[in-house]
Amino acid sequence: MAGSTFVVNRLELKKMLAMLKVNDKSVDELEANLNRLHRHVNAVSFAGMLQKVGLKQGDITNVFRRMGIDDISITEIFNALDEEKINETFGKIVVLSIE
């Protein structure tokens, strides 16, 4: 997956999200975020965005599959997302001072 680029049509994405019952406001927020990033985003960040609009891992997996991403890469994406969340939480819990 490293270095791979996957493209999804904006209308196709909206249709997928509508089928998954994501409300219009959340779809608009997601689209605004993507536009702010010039419509280029890494898969881990995109998975995080999809989680923030209320999609579960199974639904996100289906979105990625429809984009042509294979299951091994999808697993890597979720592992990286989980690792990011652990690192964020760990940083909030532990403060180290080295003198």
Protein backbone atom coordinates (compact mmCIF):
# COMPACT_ATOMS: atom_id res chain seq x y z
CA MET A 1 0.00 0.00 0.00
CA ALA A 2 2.88 2.38 0.65
CA GLY A 3 2.87 5.05 -2.00
CA SER A 4 -0.39 3.86 -3.52
CA THR A 5 -2.96 6.40 -4.58
CA PHE A 6 -6.67 5.70 -4.58
CA VAL A 7 -9.24 8.00 -6.10
CA VAL A 8 -12.92 8.27 -5.35
CA ASN A 9 -15.35 10.52 -7.15
CA ARG A 10 -16.96 13.09 -4.84
CA LEU A 11 -20.48 12.13 -5.94
CA GLU A 12 -19.67 8.45 -5.48
CA LEU A 13 -18.44 9.16 -1.96
CA LYS A 14 -21.60 11.11 -1.15
CA LYS A 15 -23.72 8.21 -2.44
CA MET A 16 -21.77 5.71 -0.33
CA LEU A 17 -22.17 7.86 2.77
CA ALA A 18 -25.89 8.36 2.10
CA MET A 19 -26.33 4.58 1.79
CA LEU A 20 -24.61 4.26 5.16
CA LYS A 21 -27.10 6.77 6.61
CA VAL A 22 -24.58 9.55 7.31
CA ASN A 23 -26.53 12.80 7.71
CA ASP A 24 -26.11 15.65 5.25
CA LYS A 25 -24.46 17.94 7.81
CA SER A 26 -21.74 15.36 8.51
CA VAL A 27 -21.21 14.75 4.79
CA ASP A 28 -20.83 18.50 4.25
CA GLU A 29 -18.32 18.74 7.12
CA LEU A 30 -16.32 15.84 5.70
CA GLU A 31 -16.32 17.43 2.26
CA ALA A 32 -15.21 20.77 3.74
CA ASN A 33 -12.33 19.02 5.54
CA LEU A 34 -11.29 17.30 2.31
CA ASN A 35 -11.47 20.58 0.40
CA ARG A 36 -9.30 22.22 3.06
CA LEU A 37 -6.74 19.48 2.40
CA HIS A 38 -7.01 20.09 -1.35
CA ARG A 39 -8.84 16.76 -1.63
CA HIS A 40 -5.69 14.80 -0.83
CA VAL A 41 -5.54 12.89 2.43
CA ASN A 42 -3.76 9.81 3.65
CA ALA A 43 -5.89 6.76 4.28
CA VAL A 44 -5.35 6.76 8.06
CA SER A 45 -6.57 10.35 8.38
CA PHE A 46 -9.49 9.61 6.07
CA ALA A 47 -10.49 6.62 8.22
CA GLY A 48 -10.38 8.91 11.26
CA MET A 49 -12.59 11.44 9.46
CA LEU A 50 -15.08 8.71 8.61
CA GLN A 51 -15.14 7.59 12.24
CA LYS A 52 -15.85 11.17 13.32
CA VAL A 53 -18.96 11.26 11.11
CA GLY A 54 -20.20 8.16 12.90
CA LEU A 55 -19.14 5.26 10.71
CA LYS A 56 -18.08 2.01 12.33
CA GLN A 57 -15.05 0.02 11.25
CA GLY A 58 -17.12 -2.37 9.12
CA ASP A 59 -18.69 0.49 7.18
CA ILE A 60 -15.32 2.18 6.67
CA THR A 61 -13.93 -1.13 5.46
CA ASN A 62 -16.70 -1.28 2.86
CA VAL A 63 -15.96 2.28 1.73
CA PHE A 64 -12.28 1.39 1.31
CA ARG A 65 -13.10 -1.81 -0.57
CA ARG A 66 -15.29 0.15 -2.98
CA MET A 67 -12.32 2.45 -3.55
CA GLY A 68 -10.23 -0.58 -4.54
CA ILE A 69 -8.14 -0.93 -1.40
CA ASP A 70 -7.31 -4.54 -0.52
CA ASP A 71 -8.04 -6.12 2.87
CA ILE A 72 -4.39 -6.30 3.96
CA SER A 73 -3.98 -2.56 3.36
CA ILE A 74 -7.26 -1.86 5.15
CA THR A 75 -6.00 -3.80 8.17
CA GLU A 76 -2.78 -1.76 8.10
CA ILE A 77 -4.82 1.45 7.97
CA PHE A 78 -6.84 0.49 11.06
CA ASN A 79 -3.71 -0.67 12.90
CA ALA A 80 -2.06 2.70 12.22
CA LEU A 81 -5.23 4.53 13.32
CA ASP A 82 -5.34 2.52 16.55
CA GLU A 83 -1.67 3.25 17.15
CA GLU A 84 -2.28 7.00 16.66
CA LYS A 85 -5.12 6.89 19.20
CA ILE A 86 -2.96 5.01 21.71
CA ASN A 87 -0.15 7.54 21.27
CA GLU A 88 -2.58 10.45 21.74
CA THR A 89 -4.03 8.90 24.89
CA PHE A 90 -0.63 7.93 26.26
CA GLY A 91 0.62 11.47 25.77
CA LYS A 92 -2.35 12.79 27.75
CA ILE A 93 -1.86 10.39 30.63
CA VAL A 94 1.88 10.51 31.15
CA VAL A 95 4.00 13.60 31.49
CA LEU A 96 7.71 13.03 31.82
CA SER A 97 10.24 15.52 33.01
CA ILE A 98 13.87 14.60 32.48
CA GLU A 99 16.48 16.68 34.24
